[in-house]
Amino acid sequence: MNLLVICFSVLLAAILLALFRKFSYKHGTKKLPGPWCLPLIGYPFLFTKSCHVKLGELADRYGDLFQIYIGGKLVIVLSSMEAAKQAFGKLELSGRPSFESLAVFNNEVKGEFAFTSFSEACIFIRKALIRSLGRLLRSKKSQVETMILAAQDSLKQQLLESEGSITDPDKLIHKTIISIIGPMTLGSELNCKDLMFDQLLNSTENFNKVMKFNFVANYFPLLRQIMHREFKVFRENNSRIGKFMEETIRNHRSNNTVEDLQFFYGMTHLCERFKRPQLTGMNSSHFQWKVEG
C-alpha cells in the first residue's frame, strides 16, 4: 500500500512538473532578455513596496531593455533615456497600457488645487511662495547657498555609503529636495528632526507607495479592490485640504491678510497626514495672512 502511494505521488509530481514546464514563461517565445517568471503570477519579487528598486537590479543584470511578466501579461521595461528614445521609433514598442488606476487618479485630481494650473488656489499659493521666497533671498542669500550645499553634500555622502549598489532613490531625492525647497518656501530652516520635515517627507513617500502598489494591482483583478480603497483615502484627504484652501482664499479676499505661511502649510499637511478632526475642522478665521497682489 505504501509503495502504491509513493508511486502515485511520484507520477503526480512528474505530471505537475511537466505542466509547469510547459506553461512556464521561460519556455515561451522570448524576444528580449529577462528573468524567469512563474505561471499566472509572473515575476514574484515585484510584490514589494520598492518594486522600482527591484527593476533597477534587473536592469543591471539584463540591460536597458528587458521583459518581465506581471500576472499573465508581458511587460517591456525601458530603464534608460536612450532605450526610451529608441523605443519611440519602433512600431512594436509604440503605445502604453491604459491602467485603471491612472484613469481613477486622473478623475480624482480634476479640479484639485495641487494639480490644476491657474486655479484660484494655485494662484494664491504661488503669490504666497513668491513673497516668502523674495523675503528670504533679500535677507539671507548666504543661507540659501548654505542650505543647497549642505543638501548636496548629504546626498553625496549617502550615495557614497551605498558603494554603488542599487538603493531606493526616492527617500534620498525627496529628502534633498525638501531640505532646499522647504526652507525657501516656508520661510524657515527645516532639518531632519523637524516635525514639518517629517510630514512633508512622509506625505510624498506614502503617495509614491500607493502608486507603486497600483502598478502591480492593475494586473490582478483581486487586488483592484485594495487599489480602490487606497484611492478612497486619497479622495477624502484631498477633499479636506480642498475645502480648507477654499475657505482660506475667501478669508484672504475679505481681509487681505496673510501672515503665517508656515502655519498654513503645517495645518494642511497635518490634515492630510493624520486626518485629525480638530485640524480638519479649523478654518481660516483662526489666523490672519497677507499676500501682496
C-alpha atoms as a PDB file:
ATOM      1  CA  MET A   1       0.000   0.000   0.000  1.00  0.00           C
ATOM      2  CA  ASN A   2       2.797   2.403   0.887  1.00  0.00           C
ATOM      3  CA  LEU A   3       4.588   1.551  -2.361  1.00  0.00           C
ATOM      4  CA  LEU A   4       1.413   2.355  -4.319  1.00  0.00           C
ATOM      5  CA  VAL A   5       1.082   5.731  -2.601  1.00  0.00           C
ATOM      6  CA  ILE A   6       4.723   6.522  -3.323  1.00  0.00           C
ATOM      7  CA  CYS A   7       4.368   5.570  -6.996  1.00  0.00           C
ATOM      8  CA  PHE A   8       1.202   7.654  -7.333  1.00  0.00           C
ATOM      9  CA  SER A   9       2.879  10.656  -5.669  1.00  0.00           C
ATOM     10  CA  VAL A  10       5.895  10.412  -7.965  1.00  0.00           C
ATOM     11  CA  LEU A  11       3.654  10.145 -11.036  1.00  0.00           C
ATOM     12  CA  LEU A  12       1.548  13.118  -9.923  1.00  0.00           C
ATOM     13  CA  ALA A  13       4.664  15.176  -9.241  1.00  0.00           C
ATOM     14  CA  ALA A  14       6.036  14.321 -12.684  1.00  0.00           C
ATOM     15  CA  ILE A  15       2.773  15.370 -14.364  1.00  0.00           C
ATOM     16  CA  LEU A  16       2.650  18.645 -12.441  1.00  0.00           C
ATOM     17  CA  LEU A  17       6.289  19.350 -13.247  1.00  0.00           C
ATOM     18  CA  ALA A  18       5.664  18.689 -16.944  1.00  0.00           C
ATOM     19  CA  LEU A  19       2.656  21.026 -16.947  1.00  0.00           C
ATOM     20  CA  PHE A  20       4.638  23.635 -15.050  1.00  0.00           C
ATOM     21  CA  ARG A  21       7.472  23.482 -17.585  1.00  0.00           C
ATOM     22  CA  LYS A  22       5.044  23.551 -20.498  1.00  0.00           C
ATOM     23  CA  PHE A  23       3.206  26.663 -19.361  1.00  0.00           C
ATOM     24  CA  SER A  24       6.198  28.406 -17.845  1.00  0.00           C
ATOM     25  CA  TYR A  25       7.012  31.775 -19.417  1.00  0.00           C
ATOM     26  CA  LYS A  26      10.622  30.674 -19.674  1.00  0.00           C
ATOM     27  CA  HIS A  27       9.768  28.278 -22.483  1.00  0.00           C
ATOM     28  CA  GLY A  28       7.644  30.717 -24.449  1.00  0.00           C
ATOM     29  CA  THR A  29       8.770  32.856 -27.355  1.00  0.00           C
ATOM     30  CA  LYS A  30      11.262  35.323 -25.968  1.00  0.00           C
ATOM     31  CA  LYS A  31      12.361  38.343 -27.981  1.00  0.00           C
ATOM     32  CA  LEU A  32      14.048  40.200 -25.132  1.00  0.00           C
ATOM     33  CA  PRO A  33      16.148  39.111 -22.153  1.00  0.00           C
ATOM     34  CA  GLY A  34      14.501  38.924 -18.780  1.00  0.00           C
ATOM     35  CA  PRO A  35      14.120  36.901 -15.579  1.00  0.00           C
ATOM     36  CA  TRP A  36      12.302  33.621 -15.193  1.00  0.00           C
ATOM     37  CA  CYS A  37       8.656  34.153 -14.193  1.00  0.00           C
ATOM     38  CA  LEU A  38       6.031  31.974 -12.537  1.00  0.00           C
ATOM     39  CA  PRO A  39       2.917  30.943 -14.478  1.00  0.00           C
ATOM     40  CA  LEU A  40      -0.140  33.113 -13.754  1.00  0.00           C
ATOM     41  CA  ILE A  41       1.801  35.170 -11.190  1.00  0.00           C
ATOM     42  CA  GLY A  42       4.693  36.432 -13.269  1.00  0.00           C
ATOM     43  CA  TYR A  43       7.787  37.866 -11.600  1.00  0.00           C
ATOM     44  CA  PRO A  44       7.040  37.427  -7.869  1.00  0.00           C
ATOM     45  CA  PHE A  45       9.652  39.836  -6.488  1.00  0.00           C
ATOM     46  CA  LEU A  46       7.720  42.887  -7.708  1.00  0.00           C
ATOM     47  CA  PHE A  47       5.226  42.429  -4.863  1.00  0.00           C
ATOM     48  CA  THR A  48       7.172  44.772  -2.612  1.00  0.00           C
ATOM     49  CA  LYS A  49       6.932  48.418  -1.559  1.00  0.00           C
ATOM     50  CA  SER A  50      10.112  49.146  -3.517  1.00  0.00           C
ATOM     51  CA  CYS A  51       9.398  47.431  -6.815  1.00  0.00           C
ATOM     52  CA  HIS A  52      11.309  50.185  -8.630  1.00  0.00           C
ATOM     53  CA  VAL A  53      14.474  49.110  -6.800  1.00  0.00           C
ATOM     54  CA  LYS A  54      13.974  45.527  -7.975  1.00  0.00           C
ATOM     55  CA  LEU A  55      13.505  46.777 -11.546  1.00  0.00           C
ATOM     56  CA  GLY A  56      16.800  48.643 -11.188  1.00  0.00           C
ATOM     57  CA  GLU A  57      18.544  45.418 -10.173  1.00  0.00           C
ATOM     58  CA  LEU A  58      17.049  43.626 -13.188  1.00  0.00           C
ATOM     59  CA  ALA A  59      18.274  46.423 -15.465  1.00  0.00           C
ATOM     60  CA  ASP A  60      21.816  45.908 -14.158  1.00  0.00           C
ATOM     61  CA  ARG A  61      21.525  42.216 -14.993  1.00  0.00           C
ATOM     62  CA  TYR A  62      19.634  42.256 -18.315  1.00  0.00           C
ATOM     63  CA  GLY A  63      20.354  45.683 -19.755  1.00  0.00           C
ATOM     64  CA  ASP A  64      18.346  48.809 -20.533  1.00  0.00           C
ATOM     65  CA  LEU A  65      15.616  46.907 -22.401  1.00  0.00           C
ATOM     66  CA  PHE A  66      14.171  43.711 -20.945  1.00  0.00           C
ATOM     67  CA  GLN A  67      10.876  41.933 -20.410  1.00  0.00           C
ATOM     68  CA  ILE A  68       9.031  40.534 -17.412  1.00  0.00           C
ATOM     69  CA  TYR A  69       5.594  39.084 -16.817  1.00  0.00           C
ATOM     70  CA  ILE A  70       3.187  40.576 -14.293  1.00  0.00           C
ATOM     71  CA  GLY A  71       0.240  38.273 -13.870  1.00  0.00           C
ATOM     72  CA  GLY A  72      -0.409  36.904 -17.331  1.00  0.00           C
ATOM     73  CA  LYS A  73       0.756  39.981 -19.216  1.00  0.00           C
ATOM     74  CA  LEU A  74       4.078  40.692 -20.846  1.00  0.00           C
ATOM     75  CA  VAL A  75       5.638  43.995 -19.764  1.00  0.00           C
ATOM     76  CA  ILE A  76       8.543  45.632 -21.608  1.00  0.00           C
ATOM     77  CA  VAL A  77      10.759  47.657 -19.255  1.00  0.00           C
ATOM     78  CA  LEU A  78      12.797  50.617 -20.525  1.00  0.00           C
ATOM     79  CA  SER A  79      15.364  51.611 -17.930  1.00  0.00           C
ATOM     80  CA  SER A  80      17.340  54.386 -19.627  1.00  0.00           C
ATOM     81  CA  MET A  81      16.693  57.553 -21.594  1.00  0.00           C
ATOM     82  CA  GLU A  82      18.452  56.103 -24.642  1.00  0.00           C
ATOM     83  CA  ALA A  83      16.299  52.961 -24.593  1.00  0.00           C
ATOM     84  CA  ALA A  84      13.143  55.048 -24.276  1.00  0.00           C
ATOM     85  CA  LYS A  85      14.257  57.312 -27.128  1.00  0.00           C
ATOM     86  CA  GLN A  86      14.839  54.353 -29.450  1.00  0.00           C
ATOM     87  CA  ALA A  87      11.578  52.693 -28.420  1.00  0.00           C
ATOM     88  CA  PHE A  88       9.523  55.672 -29.591  1.00  0.00           C
ATOM     89  CA  GLY A  89      10.696  54.971 -33.149  1.00  0.00           C
ATOM     90  CA  LYS A  90       9.708  51.300 -33.154  1.00  0.00           C
ATOM     91  CA  LEU A  91       6.172  50.282 -34.007  1.00  0.00           C
ATOM     92  CA  GLU A  92       6.274  47.123 -31.875  1.00  0.00           C
ATOM     93  CA  LEU A  93       7.020  49.227 -28.792  1.00  0.00           C
ATOM     94  CA  SER A  94       4.567  52.032 -29.535  1.00  0.00           C
ATOM     95  CA  GLY A  95       1.635  52.722 -27.254  1.00  0.00           C
ATOM     96  CA  ARG A  96       1.356  52.417 -23.480  1.00  0.00           C
ATOM     97  CA  PRO A  97      -1.068  50.413 -21.344  1.00  0.00           C
ATOM     98  CA  SER A  98      -4.173  52.220 -20.148  1.00  0.00           C
ATOM     99  CA  PHE A  99      -4.139  51.449 -16.443  1.00  0.00           C
ATOM    100  CA  GLU A 100      -7.349  51.665 -14.490  1.00  0.00           C
ATOM    101  CA  SER A 101      -5.509  53.224 -11.563  1.00  0.00           C
ATOM    102  CA  LEU A 102      -4.268  56.091 -13.743  1.00  0.00           C
ATOM    103  CA  ALA A 103      -7.787  56.726 -15.012  1.00  0.00           C
ATOM    104  CA  VAL A 104      -9.138  56.779 -11.462  1.00  0.00           C
ATOM    105  CA  PHE A 105      -6.306  59.044 -10.330  1.00  0.00           C
ATOM    106  CA  ASN A 106      -6.887  61.497 -13.186  1.00  0.00           C
ATOM    107  CA  ASN A 107     -10.587  61.658 -12.350  1.00  0.00           C
ATOM    108  CA  GLU A 108      -9.873  62.188  -8.661  1.00  0.00           C
ATOM    109  CA  VAL A 109      -7.464  65.088  -9.067  1.00  0.00           C
ATOM    110  CA  LYS A 110      -9.520  67.068 -11.582  1.00  0.00           C
ATOM    111  CA  GLY A 111     -10.235  70.455 -10.079  1.00  0.00           C
ATOM    112  CA  GLU A 112      -7.988  69.927  -7.049  1.00  0.00           C
ATOM    113  CA  PHE A 113      -5.725  72.851  -6.163  1.00  0.00           C
ATOM    114  CA  ALA A 114      -2.475  70.881  -6.180  1.00  0.00           C
ATOM    115  CA  PHE A 115      -2.857  69.573  -9.715  1.00  0.00           C
ATOM    116  CA  THR A 116      -4.692  72.342 -11.562  1.00  0.00           C
ATOM    117  CA  SER A 117      -2.803  75.269 -13.065  1.00  0.00           C
ATOM    118  CA  PHE A 118      -4.153  78.820 -12.766  1.00  0.00           C
ATOM    119  CA  SER A 119      -6.925  77.890 -10.359  1.00  0.00           C
ATOM    120  CA  GLU A 120      -7.712  80.314  -7.529  1.00  0.00           C
ATOM    121  CA  ALA A 121      -5.862  78.186  -5.013  1.00  0.00           C
ATOM    122  CA  CYS A 122      -2.877  77.718  -7.309  1.00  0.00           C
ATOM    123  CA  ILE A 123      -2.553  81.484  -7.831  1.00  0.00           C
ATOM    124  CA  PHE A 124      -2.942  82.104  -4.098  1.00  0.00           C
ATOM    125  CA  ILE A 125      -0.181  79.618  -3.211  1.00  0.00           C
ATOM    126  CA  ARG A 126       2.077  80.991  -5.928  1.00  0.00           C
ATOM    127  CA  LYS A 127       1.768  84.540  -4.596  1.00  0.00           C
ATOM    128  CA  ALA A 128       2.464  83.386  -1.066  1.00  0.00           C
ATOM    129  CA  LEU A 129       5.525  81.388  -2.109  1.00  0.00           C
ATOM    130  CA  ILE A 130       6.930  84.217  -4.223  1.00  0.00           C
ATOM    131  CA  ARG A 131       6.554  86.626  -1.323  1.00  0.00           C
ATOM    132  CA  SER A 132       8.159  84.203   1.128  1.00  0.00           C
ATOM    133  CA  LEU A 133      10.988  83.353  -1.269  1.00  0.00           C
ATOM    134  CA  GLY A 134      11.645  87.014  -2.052  1.00  0.00           C
ATOM    135  CA  ARG A 135      11.869  87.854   1.640  1.00  0.00           C
ATOM    136  CA  LEU A 136      14.356  85.033   2.203  1.00  0.00           C
ATOM    137  CA  LEU A 137      16.541  85.915  -0.786  1.00  0.00           C
ATOM    138  CA  ARG A 138      16.666  89.601   0.138  1.00  0.00           C
ATOM    139  CA  SER A 139      17.808  88.980   3.678  1.00  0.00           C
ATOM    140  CA  LYS A 140      19.663  85.656   3.695  1.00  0.00           C
ATOM    141  CA  LYS A 141      21.370  84.965   0.370  1.00  0.00           C
ATOM    142  CA  SER A 142      24.253  83.150   2.047  1.00  0.00           C
ATOM    143  CA  GLN A 143      21.779  80.999   3.952  1.00  0.00           C
ATOM    144  CA  VAL A 144      20.236  79.750   0.689  1.00  0.00           C
ATOM    145  CA  GLU A 145      23.653  78.791  -0.667  1.00  0.00           C
ATOM    146  CA  THR A 146      24.494  77.045   2.589  1.00  0.00           C
ATOM    147  CA  MET A 147      21.270  75.036   2.503  1.00  0.00           C
ATOM    148  CA  ILE A 148      21.830  73.921  -1.089  1.00  0.00           C
ATOM    149  CA  LEU A 149      25.444  72.917  -0.476  1.00  0.00           C
ATOM    150  CA  ALA A 150      24.522  71.080   2.723  1.00  0.00           C
ATOM    151  CA  ALA A 151      21.780  69.136   0.927  1.00  0.00           C
ATOM    152  CA  GLN A 152      24.169  68.309  -1.896  1.00  0.00           C
ATOM    153  CA  ASP A 153      26.859  67.087   0.498  1.00  0.00           C
ATOM    154  CA  SER A 154      24.335  64.993   2.428  1.00  0.00           C
ATOM    155  CA  LEU A 155      23.052  63.298  -0.736  1.00  0.00           C
ATOM    156  CA  LYS A 156      26.591  62.674  -1.981  1.00  0.00           C
ATOM    157  CA  GLN A 157      27.628  61.127   1.330  1.00  0.00           C
ATOM    158  CA  GLN A 158      24.638  58.784   1.417  1.00  0.00           C
ATOM    159  CA  LEU A 159      25.275  57.665  -2.159  1.00  0.00           C
ATOM    160  CA  LEU A 160      28.943  57.013  -1.368  1.00  0.00           C
ATOM    161  CA  GLU A 161      27.942  54.911   1.621  1.00  0.00           C
ATOM    162  CA  SER A 162      25.895  52.659  -0.664  1.00  0.00           C
ATOM    163  CA  GLU A 163      29.123  51.905  -2.596  1.00  0.00           C
ATOM    164  CA  GLY A 164      27.427  51.957  -5.973  1.00  0.00           C
ATOM    165  CA  SER A 165      24.839  49.313  -5.077  1.00  0.00           C
ATOM    166  CA  ILE A 166      21.182  49.559  -6.066  1.00  0.00           C
ATOM    167  CA  THR A 167      19.382  51.685  -3.487  1.00  0.00           C
ATOM    168  CA  ASP A 168      15.944  53.212  -3.148  1.00  0.00           C
ATOM    169  CA  PRO A 169      16.442  56.728  -4.552  1.00  0.00           C
ATOM    170  CA  ASP A 170      13.026  58.068  -3.578  1.00  0.00           C
ATOM    171  CA  LYS A 171      13.729  58.894   0.038  1.00  0.00           C
ATOM    172  CA  LEU A 172      17.174  60.351  -0.687  1.00  0.00           C
ATOM    173  CA  ILE A 173      15.892  62.557  -3.505  1.00  0.00           C
ATOM    174  CA  HIS A 174      12.783  63.700  -1.638  1.00  0.00           C
ATOM    175  CA  LYS A 175      14.852  64.448   1.441  1.00  0.00           C
ATOM    176  CA  THR A 176      17.305  66.539  -0.563  1.00  0.00           C
ATOM    177  CA  ILE A 177      14.616  68.474  -2.434  1.00  0.00           C
ATOM    178  CA  ILE A 178      12.536  69.171   0.665  1.00  0.00           C
ATOM    179  CA  SER A 179      15.584  70.325   2.619  1.00  0.00           C
ATOM    180  CA  ILE A 180      16.089  73.017  -0.052  1.00  0.00           C
ATOM    181  CA  ILE A 181      12.549  73.880  -1.178  1.00  0.00           C
ATOM    182  CA  GLY A 182      11.069  73.669   2.328  1.00  0.00           C
ATOM    183  CA  PRO A 183      13.111  76.475   3.885  1.00  0.00           C
ATOM    184  CA  MET A 184      12.896  78.631   0.743  1.00  0.00           C
ATOM    185  CA  THR A 185       9.109  78.469   0.503  1.00  0.00           C
ATOM    186  CA  LEU A 186       8.111  78.134   4.127  1.00  0.00           C
ATOM    187  CA  GLY A 187      10.482  80.851   5.229  1.00  0.00           C
ATOM    188  CA  SER A 188      12.298  78.936   7.943  1.00  0.00           C
ATOM    189  CA  GLU A 189      15.070  76.390   8.099  1.00  0.00           C
ATOM    190  CA  LEU A 190      13.932  72.760   8.258  1.00  0.00           C
ATOM    191  CA  ASN A 191      16.059  69.791   9.213  1.00  0.00           C
ATOM    192  CA  CYS A 192      15.521  66.052   9.507  1.00  0.00           C
ATOM    193  CA  LYS A 193      14.355  66.343  13.111  1.00  0.00           C
ATOM    194  CA  ASP A 194      11.620  68.894  12.451  1.00  0.00           C
ATOM    195  CA  LEU A 195       8.038  67.672  12.566  1.00  0.00           C
ATOM    196  CA  MET A 196       7.245  69.703   9.449  1.00  0.00           C
ATOM    197  CA  PHE A 197      10.031  67.960   7.536  1.00  0.00           C
ATOM    198  CA  ASP A 198       8.738  64.522   8.526  1.00  0.00           C
ATOM    199  CA  GLN A 199       5.217  65.431   7.444  1.00  0.00           C
ATOM    200  CA  LEU A 200       6.376  66.622   4.033  1.00  0.00           C
ATOM    201  CA  LEU A 201       8.590  63.579   3.519  1.00  0.00           C
ATOM    202  CA  ASN A 202       6.032  61.029   4.705  1.00  0.00           C
ATOM    203  CA  SER A 203       3.277  62.561   2.600  1.00  0.00           C
ATOM    204  CA  THR A 204       5.400  62.248  -0.547  1.00  0.00           C
ATOM    205  CA  GLU A 205       6.577  58.728   0.255  1.00  0.00           C
ATOM    206  CA  ASN A 206       3.084  57.457   1.064  1.00  0.00           C
ATOM    207  CA  PHE A 207       1.762  58.800  -2.224  1.00  0.00           C
ATOM    208  CA  ASN A 208       4.557  57.001  -4.092  1.00  0.00           C
ATOM    209  CA  LYS A 209       3.852  53.737  -2.274  1.00  0.00           C
ATOM    210  CA  VAL A 210       0.207  53.865  -3.334  1.00  0.00           C
ATOM    211  CA  MET A 211       1.153  54.464  -6.967  1.00  0.00           C
ATOM    212  CA  LYS A 212       3.742  51.641  -6.930  1.00  0.00           C
ATOM    213  CA  PHE A 213       1.212  49.211  -5.497  1.00  0.00           C
ATOM    214  CA  ASN A 214      -1.360  50.275  -8.072  1.00  0.00           C
ATOM    215  CA  PHE A 215       1.131  49.498 -10.842  1.00  0.00           C
ATOM    216  CA  VAL A 216       1.106  45.825  -9.816  1.00  0.00           C
ATOM    217  CA  ALA A 217      -2.580  45.766  -8.829  1.00  0.00           C
ATOM    218  CA  ASN A 218      -3.649  46.663 -12.366  1.00  0.00           C
ATOM    219  CA  TYR A 219      -2.666  43.166 -13.499  1.00  0.00           C
ATOM    220  CA  PHE A 220      -4.583  41.304 -10.786  1.00  0.00           C
ATOM    221  CA  PRO A 221      -8.385  41.746 -10.526  1.00  0.00           C
ATOM    222  CA  LEU A 222      -8.411  40.659  -6.868  1.00  0.00           C
ATOM    223  CA  LEU A 223      -6.012  43.443  -5.908  1.00  0.00           C
ATOM    224  CA  ARG A 224      -8.056  46.181  -7.568  1.00  0.00           C
ATOM    225  CA  GLN A 225     -10.432  46.331  -4.605  1.00  0.00           C
ATOM    226  CA  ILE A 226      -7.493  47.295  -2.385  1.00  0.00           C
ATOM    227  CA  MET A 227      -6.455  49.820  -5.024  1.00  0.00           C
ATOM    228  CA  HIS A 228      -9.879  51.497  -4.900  1.00  0.00           C
ATOM    229  CA  ARG A 229      -9.711  51.613  -1.103  1.00  0.00           C
ATOM    230  CA  GLU A 230      -6.400  53.477  -1.276  1.00  0.00           C
ATOM    231  CA  PHE A 231      -7.894  55.958  -3.715  1.00  0.00           C
ATOM    232  CA  LYS A 232     -10.828  56.481  -1.368  1.00  0.00           C
ATOM    233  CA  VAL A 233      -8.399  57.619   1.339  1.00  0.00           C
ATOM    234  CA  PHE A 234      -6.659  59.845  -1.212  1.00  0.00           C
ATOM    235  CA  ARG A 235     -10.010  61.371  -2.195  1.00  0.00           C
ATOM    236  CA  GLU A 236     -11.002  62.072   1.402  1.00  0.00           C
ATOM    237  CA  ASN A 237      -7.675  63.738   2.201  1.00  0.00           C
ATOM    238  CA  ASN A 238      -7.804  65.871  -0.921  1.00  0.00           C
ATOM    239  CA  SER A 239     -11.366  66.898  -0.166  1.00  0.00           C
ATOM    240  CA  ARG A 240     -10.416  68.116   3.332  1.00  0.00           C
ATOM    241  CA  ILE A 241      -7.472  70.117   2.062  1.00  0.00           C
ATOM    242  CA  GLY A 242      -9.501  71.487  -0.849  1.00  0.00           C
ATOM    243  CA  LYS A 243     -12.230  72.800   1.467  1.00  0.00           C
ATOM    244  CA  PHE A 244      -9.617  74.270   3.788  1.00  0.00           C
ATOM    245  CA  MET A 245      -7.990  76.064   0.853  1.00  0.00           C
ATOM    246  CA  GLU A 246     -11.291  77.438  -0.447  1.00  0.00           C
ATOM    247  CA  GLU A 247     -12.166  78.916   2.923  1.00  0.00           C
ATOM    248  CA  THR A 248      -8.680  80.371   3.299  1.00  0.00           C
ATOM    249  CA  ILE A 249      -8.941  82.104  -0.072  1.00  0.00           C
ATOM    250  CA  ARG A 250     -12.340  83.545   0.831  1.00  0.00           C
ATOM    251  CA  ASN A 251     -10.881  84.896   4.056  1.00  0.00           C
ATOM    252  CA  HIS A 252      -7.919  86.367   2.179  1.00  0.00           C
ATOM    253  CA  ARG A 253     -10.268  88.169  -0.209  1.00  0.00           C
ATOM    254  CA  SER A 254     -12.298  89.679   2.603  1.00  0.00           C
ATOM    255  CA  ASN A 255      -9.410  90.613   4.927  1.00  0.00           C
ATOM    256  CA  ASN A 256      -6.455  90.756   2.510  1.00  0.00           C
ATOM    257  CA  THR A 257      -4.248  89.410   5.300  1.00  0.00           C
ATOM    258  CA  VAL A 258      -1.766  86.560   5.423  1.00  0.00           C
ATOM    259  CA  GLU A 259       0.996  86.475   7.988  1.00  0.00           C
ATOM    260  CA  ASP A 260       1.856  82.918   8.913  1.00  0.00           C
ATOM    261  CA  LEU A 261       2.508  80.924   5.757  1.00  0.00           C
ATOM    262  CA  GLN A 262       4.317  78.174   7.619  1.00  0.00           C
ATOM    263  CA  PHE A 263       1.360  77.629   9.961  1.00  0.00           C
ATOM    264  CA  PHE A 264      -0.932  77.262   6.955  1.00  0.00           C
ATOM    265  CA  TYR A 265       1.290  74.597   5.415  1.00  0.00           C
ATOM    266  CA  GLY A 266       1.585  72.860   8.763  1.00  0.00           C
ATOM    267  CA  MET A 267      -2.178  72.624   9.083  1.00  0.00           C
ATOM    268  CA  THR A 268      -2.751  71.355   5.533  1.00  0.00           C
ATOM    269  CA  HIS A 269      -0.110  68.654   5.848  1.00  0.00           C
ATOM    270  CA  LEU A 270      -1.404  67.646   9.259  1.00  0.00           C
ATOM    271  CA  CYS A 271      -4.880  67.333   7.760  1.00  0.00           C
ATOM    272  CA  GLU A 272      -3.541  65.071   5.052  1.00  0.00           C
ATOM    273  CA  ARG A 273      -1.101  63.074   7.166  1.00  0.00           C
ATOM    274  CA  PHE A 274      -3.077  62.435  10.341  1.00  0.00           C
ATOM    275  CA  LYS A 275      -6.683  63.232   9.306  1.00  0.00           C
ATOM    276  CA  ARG A 276      -7.411  64.718  12.740  1.00  0.00           C
ATOM    277  CA  PRO A 277     -10.932  66.166  13.148  1.00  0.00           C
ATOM    278  CA  GLN A 278      -9.679  69.023  15.279  1.00  0.00           C
ATOM    279  CA  LEU A 279      -7.355  70.072  12.460  1.00  0.00           C
ATOM    280  CA  THR A 280      -9.666  69.470   9.531  1.00  0.00           C
ATOM    281  CA  GLY A 281     -12.360  71.421  11.311  1.00  0.00           C
ATOM    282  CA  MET A 282     -10.226  74.529  11.630  1.00  0.00           C
ATOM    283  CA  ASN A 283     -10.987  77.380   9.298  1.00  0.00           C
ATOM    284  CA  SER A 284      -9.067  80.359   8.079  1.00  0.00           C
ATOM    285  CA  SER A 285     -10.657  82.681  10.612  1.00  0.00           C
ATOM    286  CA  HIS A 286      -8.313  81.194  13.229  1.00  0.00           C
ATOM    287  CA  PHE A 287      -5.347  83.023  11.748  1.00  0.00           C
ATOM    288  CA  GLN A 288      -4.554  86.093   9.651  1.00  0.00           C
ATOM    289  CA  TRP A 289      -2.475  86.111   6.451  1.00  0.00           C
ATOM    290  CA  LYS A 290      -1.282  88.625   3.938  1.00  0.00           C
ATOM    291  CA  VAL A 291      -0.243  88.188   0.304  1.00  0.00           C
ATOM    292  CA  GLU A 292       0.656  91.241  -1.738  1.00  0.00           C
ATOM    293  CA  GLY A 293      -1.057  91.480  -5.128  1.00  0.00           C
END
